[in-house]
């Protein structure tokens, strides 16, 4: 399967929300209004993934000039991207990404991560660092990130609180943009 990426727009919001609700558990799913705001505030950072014309995932990112692992508010679900967005910044924050469950297990998560980072690095050449958080219980996602060169740099205790299932720490991970986009 060949994955293609394109910049999402407001017309893609229904497809994005279908991917969001399929990809994440209730209690972790972001609101439609949050994604509408992200699309409006930084459309270049929102990529939709397709396989053979079918939407199968998305890559949602922000660019920050600087950041600190102690600044937990940047990672909150539903945070306002415009508070820290700076397209001349050096850090890309992958705010969310998912592959629809029916497309998982075939390497598309790796392709989405690499492709999203590669596209963002081409659009914003000042980028040097990638930042993300992942639920400690999401082993497959953690493997994708680790294989791309991301390393754990901190934790946000009891960050993820799904409607069902265990509460989980958010593992804060970072990678050099060159190694993550080429892995």
N, C-alpha and C. Protein backbone atom coordinates (compact mmCIF):
# COMPACT_ATOMS: atom_id res chain seq x y z
N UNK A 1 0.84 -1.19 0.00
CA UNK A 1 0.00 0.00 0.00
C UNK A 1 0.87 1.24 0.00
N UNK A 2 0.53 2.16 -0.88
CA UNK A 2 1.26 3.42 -0.95
C UNK A 2 0.48 4.50 -0.23
N UNK A 3 1.16 5.15 0.69
CA UNK A 3 0.56 6.22 1.48
C UNK A 3 0.87 7.55 0.80
N UNK A 4 -0.15 8.38 0.62
CA UNK A 4 0.07 9.73 0.11
C UNK A 4 -0.42 10.72 1.16
N UNK A 5 0.25 11.83 1.24
CA UNK A 5 -0.09 12.88 2.20
C UNK A 5 -0.48 14.14 1.45
N UNK A 6 -1.46 14.83 1.99
CA UNK A 6 -1.85 16.13 1.45
C UNK A 6 -2.29 17.01 2.60
N UNK A 7 -2.18 18.31 2.39
CA UNK A 7 -2.62 19.25 3.42
C UNK A 7 -4.13 19.15 3.56
N UNK A 8 -4.58 18.99 4.79
CA UNK A 8 -6.01 18.93 5.06
C UNK A 8 -6.60 20.34 5.03
N UNK A 9 -7.91 20.40 4.83
CA UNK A 9 -8.60 21.68 4.91
C UNK A 9 -9.93 21.47 5.62
N UNK A 10 -10.69 22.53 5.77
CA UNK A 10 -11.95 22.47 6.53
C UNK A 10 -12.92 21.45 5.96
N UNK A 11 -12.87 21.19 4.65
CA UNK A 11 -13.75 20.20 4.04
C UNK A 11 -13.43 18.78 4.49
N UNK A 12 -12.25 18.58 5.07
CA UNK A 12 -11.83 17.26 5.55
C UNK A 12 -12.21 17.00 7.00
N UNK A 13 -12.86 17.94 7.64
CA UNK A 13 -13.12 17.82 9.08
C UNK A 13 -13.91 16.57 9.44
N UNK A 14 -14.92 16.21 8.66
CA UNK A 14 -15.69 15.00 8.97
C UNK A 14 -14.82 13.75 8.88
N UNK A 15 -13.96 13.67 7.86
CA UNK A 15 -13.05 12.53 7.72
C UNK A 15 -12.06 12.49 8.87
N UNK A 16 -11.55 13.65 9.27
CA UNK A 16 -10.61 13.72 10.38
C UNK A 16 -11.27 13.24 11.66
N UNK A 17 -12.49 13.69 11.90
CA UNK A 17 -13.19 13.27 13.13
C UNK A 17 -13.51 11.78 13.11
N UNK A 18 -13.82 11.23 11.96
CA UNK A 18 -14.04 9.78 11.87
C UNK A 18 -12.76 9.03 12.22
N UNK A 19 -11.62 9.52 11.73
CA UNK A 19 -10.33 8.91 12.07
C UNK A 19 -10.02 9.06 13.55
N UNK A 20 -10.32 10.23 14.09
CA UNK A 20 -10.06 10.51 15.51
C UNK A 20 -10.85 9.56 16.39
N UNK A 21 -12.14 9.40 16.13
CA UNK A 21 -12.98 8.55 16.98
C UNK A 21 -12.66 7.07 16.78
N UNK A 22 -12.20 6.69 15.59
CA UNK A 22 -11.80 5.30 15.37
C UNK A 22 -10.44 5.01 16.00
N UNK A 23 -9.59 6.03 16.04
CA UNK A 23 -8.21 5.83 16.48
C UNK A 23 -7.97 5.97 17.97
N UNK A 24 -8.87 6.65 18.67
CA UNK A 24 -8.66 6.90 20.09
C UNK A 24 -9.90 6.55 20.89
N UNK A 25 -9.68 6.25 22.15
CA UNK A 25 -10.77 5.87 23.05
C UNK A 25 -11.53 7.10 23.54
N UNK A 26 -12.83 6.94 23.85
CA UNK A 26 -13.56 8.05 24.48
C UNK A 26 -12.82 8.51 25.74
N UNK A 27 -12.82 9.80 25.94
CA UNK A 27 -12.07 10.39 27.05
C UNK A 27 -10.72 10.92 26.59
N UNK A 28 -10.28 10.46 25.42
CA UNK A 28 -9.02 10.93 24.84
C UNK A 28 -9.29 11.66 23.51
N UNK A 29 -10.44 11.39 22.91
CA UNK A 29 -10.81 11.98 21.63
C UNK A 29 -10.93 13.50 21.77
N UNK A 30 -10.33 14.21 20.83
CA UNK A 30 -10.44 15.67 20.79
C UNK A 30 -11.79 16.07 20.18
N UNK A 31 -12.28 17.25 20.54
CA UNK A 31 -13.54 17.78 20.01
C UNK A 31 -13.38 18.24 18.57
N UNK A 32 -14.48 18.26 17.86
CA UNK A 32 -14.50 18.79 16.50
C UNK A 32 -14.02 20.24 16.49
N UNK A 33 -14.43 21.02 17.47
CA UNK A 33 -14.02 22.44 17.53
C UNK A 33 -12.51 22.59 17.66
N UNK A 34 -11.87 21.67 18.37
CA UNK A 34 -10.41 21.72 18.53
C UNK A 34 -9.73 21.53 17.18
N UNK A 35 -10.18 20.52 16.42
CA UNK A 35 -9.57 20.29 15.11
C UNK A 35 -9.91 21.39 14.13
N UNK A 36 -11.11 21.94 14.19
CA UNK A 36 -11.47 23.06 13.32
C UNK A 36 -10.54 24.25 13.60
N UNK A 37 -10.27 24.51 14.88
CA UNK A 37 -9.36 25.60 15.24
C UNK A 37 -7.95 25.32 14.74
N UNK A 38 -7.47 24.10 14.92
CA UNK A 38 -6.12 23.76 14.47
C UNK A 38 -5.99 23.91 12.96
N UNK A 39 -7.01 23.46 12.23
CA UNK A 39 -7.00 23.61 10.77
C UNK A 39 -6.97 25.08 10.36
N UNK A 40 -7.70 25.92 11.08
CA UNK A 40 -7.74 27.34 10.76
C UNK A 40 -6.45 28.06 11.17
N UNK A 41 -5.91 27.71 12.32
CA UNK A 41 -4.73 28.39 12.86
C UNK A 41 -3.44 27.99 12.16
N UNK A 42 -3.32 26.73 11.77
CA UNK A 42 -2.06 26.26 11.17
C UNK A 42 -2.36 25.13 10.18
N UNK A 43 -2.98 25.47 9.05
CA UNK A 43 -3.35 24.42 8.08
C UNK A 43 -2.14 23.66 7.53
N UNK A 44 -0.99 24.33 7.44
CA UNK A 44 0.20 23.66 6.91
C UNK A 44 0.64 22.48 7.79
N UNK A 45 0.25 22.50 9.05
CA UNK A 45 0.66 21.45 9.98
C UNK A 45 -0.29 20.29 10.07
N UNK A 46 -1.35 20.30 9.27
CA UNK A 46 -2.36 19.24 9.34
C UNK A 46 -2.37 18.49 8.02
N UNK A 47 -1.89 17.26 8.05
CA UNK A 47 -1.80 16.44 6.84
C UNK A 47 -2.76 15.26 6.94
N UNK A 48 -3.44 14.98 5.84
CA UNK A 48 -4.34 13.84 5.75
C UNK A 48 -3.64 12.77 4.93
N UNK A 49 -3.70 11.54 5.42
CA UNK A 49 -3.07 10.40 4.75
C UNK A 49 -4.13 9.60 4.00
N UNK A 50 -3.80 9.23 2.77
CA UNK A 50 -4.70 8.43 1.94
C UNK A 50 -3.97 7.21 1.41
N UNK A 51 -4.73 6.13 1.25
CA UNK A 51 -4.27 4.95 0.53
C UNK A 51 -5.33 4.66 -0.52
N UNK A 52 -4.92 4.68 -1.78
CA UNK A 52 -5.85 4.42 -2.89
C UNK A 52 -7.12 5.25 -2.79
N UNK A 53 -6.97 6.53 -2.44
CA UNK A 53 -8.10 7.44 -2.39
C UNK A 53 -8.94 7.36 -1.13
N UNK A 54 -8.56 6.52 -0.18
CA UNK A 54 -9.30 6.38 1.08
C UNK A 54 -8.51 7.02 2.21
N UNK A 55 -9.16 7.92 2.94
CA UNK A 55 -8.49 8.53 4.10
C UNK A 55 -8.22 7.45 5.14
N UNK A 56 -6.96 7.33 5.55
CA UNK A 56 -6.59 6.28 6.49
C UNK A 56 -5.88 6.81 7.73
N UNK A 57 -5.56 8.10 7.77
CA UNK A 57 -4.87 8.64 8.93
C UNK A 57 -4.64 10.13 8.78
N UNK A 58 -4.12 10.71 9.84
CA UNK A 58 -3.75 12.13 9.80
C UNK A 58 -2.54 12.37 10.68
N UNK A 59 -1.89 13.50 10.42
CA UNK A 59 -0.70 13.97 11.13
C UNK A 59 -0.96 15.43 11.45
N UNK A 60 -1.11 15.75 12.73
CA UNK A 60 -1.43 17.12 13.17
C UNK A 60 -0.26 17.65 13.99
N UNK A 61 0.29 18.79 13.56
CA UNK A 61 1.49 19.29 14.22
C UNK A 61 1.41 20.80 14.47
N UNK A 62 2.34 21.25 15.29
CA UNK A 62 2.51 22.65 15.62
C UNK A 62 4.01 22.95 15.56
N UNK A 63 4.36 24.19 15.41
CA UNK A 63 5.77 24.58 15.45
C UNK A 63 5.94 25.58 16.59
N UNK A 64 6.95 25.30 17.40
CA UNK A 64 7.26 26.13 18.56
C UNK A 64 8.67 26.69 18.43
N UNK A 65 8.85 27.92 18.90
CA UNK A 65 10.20 28.50 18.94
C UNK A 65 11.02 27.82 20.03
N UNK A 66 10.43 27.70 21.20
CA UNK A 66 11.11 27.03 22.30
C UNK A 66 10.05 26.36 23.16
N UNK A 67 10.52 25.48 24.04
CA UNK A 67 9.58 24.76 24.89
C UNK A 67 10.37 24.19 26.06
N UNK A 68 9.65 23.79 27.08
CA UNK A 68 10.25 23.17 28.25
C UNK A 68 9.41 21.97 28.66
N UNK A 69 10.04 20.88 29.04
CA UNK A 69 9.28 19.71 29.50
C UNK A 69 8.42 20.02 30.72
N UNK A 70 8.74 21.06 31.45
CA UNK A 70 7.97 21.42 32.63
C UNK A 70 6.71 22.21 32.28
N UNK A 71 6.60 22.68 31.05
CA UNK A 71 5.46 23.47 30.61
C UNK A 71 4.35 22.52 30.15
N UNK A 72 3.72 21.86 31.10
CA UNK A 72 2.74 20.80 30.80
C UNK A 72 1.52 21.30 30.04
N UNK A 73 1.16 22.56 30.17
CA UNK A 73 -0.03 23.08 29.52
C UNK A 73 0.01 22.98 28.00
N UNK A 74 1.20 22.97 27.44
CA UNK A 74 1.33 22.84 25.98
C UNK A 74 0.80 21.50 25.48
N UNK A 75 0.78 20.52 26.35
CA UNK A 75 0.41 19.16 25.94
C UNK A 75 -1.04 18.82 26.24
N UNK A 76 -1.75 19.69 26.94
CA UNK A 76 -3.13 19.39 27.32
C UNK A 76 -3.99 19.10 26.10
N UNK A 77 -4.90 18.14 26.24
CA UNK A 77 -5.88 17.90 25.20
C UNK A 77 -6.71 19.17 25.04
N UNK A 78 -6.99 19.53 23.81
CA UNK A 78 -7.80 20.70 23.55
C UNK A 78 -7.07 22.02 23.67
N UNK A 79 -5.74 22.00 23.84
CA UNK A 79 -5.01 23.27 23.99
C UNK A 79 -5.14 24.12 22.73
N UNK A 80 -4.95 25.41 22.89
CA UNK A 80 -5.06 26.36 21.80
C UNK A 80 -3.71 26.48 21.10
N UNK A 81 -3.63 25.98 19.87
CA UNK A 81 -2.39 25.98 19.11
C UNK A 81 -1.82 27.38 18.94
N UNK A 82 -2.66 28.39 18.88
CA UNK A 82 -2.18 29.75 18.61
C UNK A 82 -1.38 30.34 19.77
N UNK A 83 -1.47 29.76 20.97
CA UNK A 83 -0.70 30.29 22.11
C UNK A 83 0.80 30.16 21.91
N UNK A 84 1.25 29.10 21.24
CA UNK A 84 2.70 28.85 21.12
C UNK A 84 3.17 28.75 19.68
N UNK A 85 2.25 28.80 18.74
CA UNK A 85 2.61 28.62 17.34
C UNK A 85 3.58 29.71 16.88
N UNK A 86 4.68 29.26 16.27
CA UNK A 86 5.67 30.18 15.73
C UNK A 86 6.34 29.46 14.56
N UNK A 87 5.93 29.78 13.35
CA UNK A 87 6.40 29.05 12.17
C UNK A 87 7.88 29.26 11.88
N UNK A 88 8.54 30.17 12.61
CA UNK A 88 10.00 30.30 12.45
C UNK A 88 10.73 29.49 13.52
N UNK A 89 10.00 28.74 14.31
CA UNK A 89 10.59 27.98 15.40
C UNK A 89 11.38 26.76 14.94
N UNK A 90 12.08 26.15 15.91
CA UNK A 90 12.95 25.00 15.63
C UNK A 90 12.35 23.67 16.05
N UNK A 91 11.26 23.68 16.80
CA UNK A 91 10.67 22.43 17.31
C UNK A 91 9.31 22.19 16.69
N UNK A 92 9.10 20.98 16.21
CA UNK A 92 7.78 20.56 15.73
C UNK A 92 7.18 19.66 16.80
N UNK A 93 5.97 19.99 17.21
CA UNK A 93 5.23 19.16 18.15
C UNK A 93 4.18 18.39 17.37
N UNK A 94 4.26 17.08 17.44
CA UNK A 94 3.25 16.24 16.82
C UNK A 94 2.12 16.14 17.84
N UNK A 95 1.10 16.97 17.65
CA UNK A 95 0.00 17.07 18.61
C UNK A 95 -0.87 15.83 18.58
N UNK A 96 -1.00 15.23 17.41
CA UNK A 96 -1.80 14.02 17.27
C UNK A 96 -1.51 13.38 15.93
N UNK A 97 -1.55 12.08 15.90
CA UNK A 97 -1.50 11.36 14.64
C UNK A 97 -2.15 10.00 14.87
N UNK A 98 -2.80 9.51 13.85
CA UNK A 98 -3.41 8.19 13.95
C UNK A 98 -3.53 7.55 12.58
N UNK A 99 -3.55 6.25 12.60
CA UNK A 99 -3.90 5.42 11.45
C UNK A 99 -5.18 4.69 11.85
N UNK A 100 -6.16 4.68 10.96
CA UNK A 100 -7.41 3.99 11.24
C UNK A 100 -7.12 2.52 11.55
N UNK A 101 -7.82 1.94 12.53
CA UNK A 101 -7.53 0.56 12.94
C UNK A 101 -7.49 -0.45 11.80
N UNK A 102 -8.34 -0.30 10.79
CA UNK A 102 -8.33 -1.29 9.70
C UNK A 102 -7.10 -1.20 8.81
N UNK A 103 -6.31 -0.13 8.96
CA UNK A 103 -5.08 0.03 8.17
C UNK A 103 -3.82 -0.22 9.00
N UNK A 104 -3.98 -0.56 10.26
CA UNK A 104 -2.82 -0.75 11.14
C UNK A 104 -2.16 -2.10 10.89
N UNK A 105 -0.87 -2.14 11.24
CA UNK A 105 -0.13 -3.39 11.17
C UNK A 105 0.63 -3.61 9.88
N UNK A 106 0.53 -2.70 8.94
CA UNK A 106 1.21 -2.88 7.66
C UNK A 106 2.31 -1.87 7.40
N UNK A 107 2.73 -1.14 8.42
CA UNK A 107 3.81 -0.17 8.26
C UNK A 107 3.36 1.24 7.93
N UNK A 108 2.05 1.48 7.86
CA UNK A 108 1.59 2.82 7.51
C UNK A 108 1.85 3.84 8.62
N UNK A 109 1.88 3.40 9.87
CA UNK A 109 2.21 4.32 10.97
C UNK A 109 3.63 4.86 10.81
N UNK A 110 4.56 3.97 10.45
CA UNK A 110 5.95 4.40 10.20
C UNK A 110 5.98 5.38 9.03
N UNK A 111 5.26 5.04 7.95
CA UNK A 111 5.26 5.88 6.75
C UNK A 111 4.64 7.25 7.05
N UNK A 112 3.57 7.27 7.83
CA UNK A 112 2.92 8.53 8.19
C UNK A 112 3.86 9.41 9.01
N UNK A 113 4.51 8.84 10.00
CA UNK A 113 5.44 9.61 10.82
C UNK A 113 6.59 10.16 9.99
N UNK A 114 7.25 9.29 9.24
CA UNK A 114 8.38 9.73 8.40
C UNK A 114 7.94 10.77 7.37
N UNK A 115 6.83 10.47 6.68
CA UNK A 115 6.36 11.39 5.65
C UNK A 115 5.93 12.73 6.21
N UNK A 116 5.22 12.71 7.34
CA UNK A 116 4.81 13.96 7.96
C UNK A 116 5.99 14.81 8.38
N UNK A 117 6.96 14.18 9.02
CA UNK A 117 8.15 14.93 9.45
C UNK A 117 8.96 15.43 8.25
N UNK A 118 9.08 14.60 7.23
CA UNK A 118 9.83 15.00 6.04
C UNK A 118 9.16 16.21 5.37
N UNK A 119 7.84 16.14 5.21
CA UNK A 119 7.12 17.25 4.58
C UNK A 119 7.23 18.53 5.41
N UNK A 120 7.10 18.41 6.71
CA UNK A 120 7.20 19.60 7.56
C UNK A 120 8.62 20.18 7.54
N UNK A 121 9.64 19.32 7.52
CA UNK A 121 11.02 19.80 7.47
C UNK A 121 11.29 20.52 6.14
N UNK A 122 10.67 20.05 5.06
CA UNK A 122 10.84 20.73 3.77
C UNK A 122 10.15 22.10 3.79
N UNK A 123 8.98 22.17 4.38
CA UNK A 123 8.23 23.43 4.43
C UNK A 123 8.85 24.43 5.41
N UNK A 124 9.44 23.91 6.49
CA UNK A 124 9.97 24.76 7.56
C UNK A 124 11.41 24.32 7.87
N UNK A 125 12.37 24.79 7.07
CA UNK A 125 13.75 24.30 7.18
C UNK A 125 14.46 24.63 8.49
N UNK A 126 13.92 25.51 9.32
CA UNK A 126 14.55 25.82 10.61
C UNK A 126 14.33 24.70 11.64
N UNK A 127 13.45 23.75 11.35
CA UNK A 127 13.16 22.68 12.32
C UNK A 127 14.39 21.82 12.59
N UNK A 128 14.65 21.59 13.87
CA UNK A 128 15.77 20.73 14.27
C UNK A 128 15.34 19.63 15.23
N UNK A 129 14.16 19.77 15.86
CA UNK A 129 13.74 18.84 16.91
C UNK A 129 12.26 18.50 16.75
N UNK A 130 11.93 17.25 16.99
CA UNK A 130 10.54 16.80 17.01
C UNK A 130 10.19 16.38 18.43
N UNK A 131 8.96 16.72 18.85
CA UNK A 131 8.48 16.47 20.20
C UNK A 131 7.11 15.82 20.09
N UNK A 132 6.83 14.86 20.97
CA UNK A 132 5.51 14.25 21.02
C UNK A 132 5.29 13.64 22.39
N UNK A 133 4.03 13.30 22.67
CA UNK A 133 3.72 12.50 23.85
C UNK A 133 2.96 11.27 23.39
N UNK A 134 3.12 10.19 24.15
CA UNK A 134 2.43 8.94 23.83
C UNK A 134 2.02 8.27 25.14
N UNK A 135 0.86 7.65 25.12
CA UNK A 135 0.38 6.93 26.29
C UNK A 135 1.32 5.77 26.59
N UNK A 136 1.67 5.61 27.84
CA UNK A 136 2.59 4.53 28.23
C UNK A 136 2.05 3.15 27.85
N UNK A 137 0.75 3.01 27.67
CA UNK A 137 0.14 1.72 27.35
C UNK A 137 0.09 1.42 25.85
N UNK A 138 0.42 2.37 25.02
CA UNK A 138 0.34 2.19 23.57
C UNK A 138 1.68 1.66 23.03
N UNK A 139 1.91 0.39 23.20
CA UNK A 139 3.19 -0.23 22.85
C UNK A 139 3.52 -0.11 21.37
N UNK A 140 2.55 -0.34 20.49
CA UNK A 140 2.83 -0.28 19.05
C UNK A 140 3.26 1.13 18.64
N UNK A 141 2.56 2.14 19.15
CA UNK A 141 2.93 3.52 18.84
C UNK A 141 4.32 3.84 19.38
N UNK A 142 4.60 3.38 20.58
CA UNK A 142 5.93 3.64 21.16
C UNK A 142 7.03 3.02 20.29
N UNK A 143 6.80 1.82 19.77
CA UNK A 143 7.80 1.18 18.90
C UNK A 143 8.03 2.01 17.64
N UNK A 144 6.96 2.52 17.05
CA UNK A 144 7.11 3.35 15.85
C UNK A 144 8.00 4.54 16.15
N UNK A 145 7.73 5.22 17.26
CA UNK A 145 8.50 6.41 17.60
C UNK A 145 9.96 6.06 17.94
N UNK A 146 10.16 5.00 18.70
CA UNK A 146 11.52 4.59 19.05
C UNK A 146 12.32 4.21 17.81
N UNK A 147 11.69 3.51 16.87
CA UNK A 147 12.38 3.12 15.63
C UNK A 147 12.73 4.34 14.78
N UNK A 148 12.01 5.44 14.99
CA UNK A 148 12.31 6.67 14.27
C UNK A 148 13.32 7.54 15.01
N UNK A 149 13.85 7.05 16.12
CA UNK A 149 14.89 7.77 16.84
C UNK A 149 14.40 8.60 18.03
N UNK A 150 13.13 8.51 18.36
CA UNK A 150 12.62 9.24 19.52
C UNK A 150 13.06 8.54 20.81
N UNK A 151 13.39 9.36 21.80
CA UNK A 151 13.78 8.83 23.10
C UNK A 151 12.94 9.52 24.18
N UNK A 152 12.70 8.79 25.25
CA UNK A 152 11.94 9.33 26.37
C UNK A 152 12.75 10.41 27.06
N UNK A 153 12.11 11.57 27.29
CA UNK A 153 12.78 12.66 27.98
C UNK A 153 12.01 13.14 29.20
N UNK A 154 10.88 12.52 29.47
CA UNK A 154 10.09 12.91 30.64
C UNK A 154 8.74 12.21 30.64
N UNK A 155 7.95 12.49 31.68
CA UNK A 155 6.60 11.92 31.80
C UNK A 155 5.66 12.94 32.39
N UNK A 156 4.43 12.85 31.97
CA UNK A 156 3.33 13.62 32.56
C UNK A 156 2.44 12.59 33.24
N UNK A 157 2.45 12.61 34.55
CA UNK A 157 1.78 11.59 35.34
C UNK A 157 0.26 11.59 35.12
N UNK A 158 -0.30 10.40 34.92
CA UNK A 158 -1.75 10.18 34.79
C UNK A 158 -2.39 11.13 33.79
N UNK A 159 -1.73 11.39 32.69
CA UNK A 159 -2.19 12.34 31.68
C UNK A 159 -3.40 11.82 30.90
N UNK A 160 -3.31 10.57 30.47
CA UNK A 160 -4.37 9.97 29.65
C UNK A 160 -5.37 9.28 30.57
N UNK A 161 -6.64 9.68 30.43
CA UNK A 161 -7.70 9.13 31.28
C UNK A 161 -8.88 8.71 30.40
N UNK A 162 -8.75 7.56 29.73
CA UNK A 162 -9.83 7.12 28.86
C UNK A 162 -11.08 6.77 29.65
N UNK A 163 -12.23 6.80 28.97
CA UNK A 163 -13.50 6.48 29.62
C UNK A 163 -13.49 5.04 30.14
N UNK A 164 -12.81 4.16 29.44
CA UNK A 164 -12.63 2.80 29.91
C UNK A 164 -11.16 2.44 29.73
N UNK A 165 -10.66 1.56 30.55
CA UNK A 165 -9.25 1.21 30.46
C UNK A 165 -8.44 1.98 31.48
N UNK A 166 -7.16 1.62 31.58
CA UNK A 166 -6.33 2.22 32.63
C UNK A 166 -5.89 3.64 32.31
N UNK A 167 -5.77 4.44 33.36
CA UNK A 167 -5.15 5.75 33.25
C UNK A 167 -3.68 5.52 32.91
N UNK A 168 -3.12 6.40 32.09
CA UNK A 168 -1.73 6.22 31.69
C UNK A 168 -0.94 7.50 31.72
N UNK A 169 0.33 7.36 32.06
CA UNK A 169 1.25 8.49 31.95
C UNK A 169 1.45 8.83 30.48
N UNK A 170 1.72 10.10 30.20
CA UNK A 170 2.16 10.53 28.88
C UNK A 170 3.68 10.48 28.90
N UNK A 171 4.24 9.71 28.00
CA UNK A 171 5.69 9.68 27.85
C UNK A 171 6.07 10.78 26.87
N UNK A 172 6.89 11.71 27.30
CA UNK A 172 7.40 12.79 26.47
C UNK A 172 8.61 12.26 25.73
N UNK A 173 8.58 12.37 24.40
CA UNK A 173 9.66 11.86 23.57
C UNK A 173 10.14 12.95 22.63
N UNK A 174 11.44 12.95 22.35
CA UNK A 174 12.03 13.90 21.40
C UNK A 174 12.99 13.17 20.47
N UNK A 175 13.22 13.79 19.32
CA UNK A 175 14.17 13.25 18.34
C UNK A 175 14.72 14.41 17.52
N UNK A 176 15.93 14.23 17.03
CA UNK A 176 16.47 15.18 16.07
C UNK A 176 15.64 15.04 14.80
N UNK A 177 15.28 16.14 14.18
CA UNK A 177 14.38 16.10 13.03
C UNK A 177 14.97 15.30 11.88
N UNK A 178 16.26 15.36 11.65
CA UNK A 178 16.85 14.62 10.53
C UNK A 178 16.76 13.13 10.72
N UNK A 179 17.04 12.63 11.93
CA UNK A 179 16.98 11.19 12.14
C UNK A 179 15.55 10.69 12.13
N UNK A 180 14.61 11.45 12.67
CA UNK A 180 13.21 11.02 12.74
C UNK A 180 12.57 11.01 11.36
N UNK A 181 12.91 11.94 10.49
CA UNK A 181 12.26 12.00 9.19
C UNK A 181 12.89 11.03 8.19
N UNK A 182 14.05 10.49 8.52
CA UNK A 182 14.72 9.55 7.61
C UNK A 182 14.67 8.11 8.09
N UNK A 183 14.24 7.89 9.33
CA UNK A 183 14.27 6.53 9.90
C UNK A 183 13.38 5.57 9.13
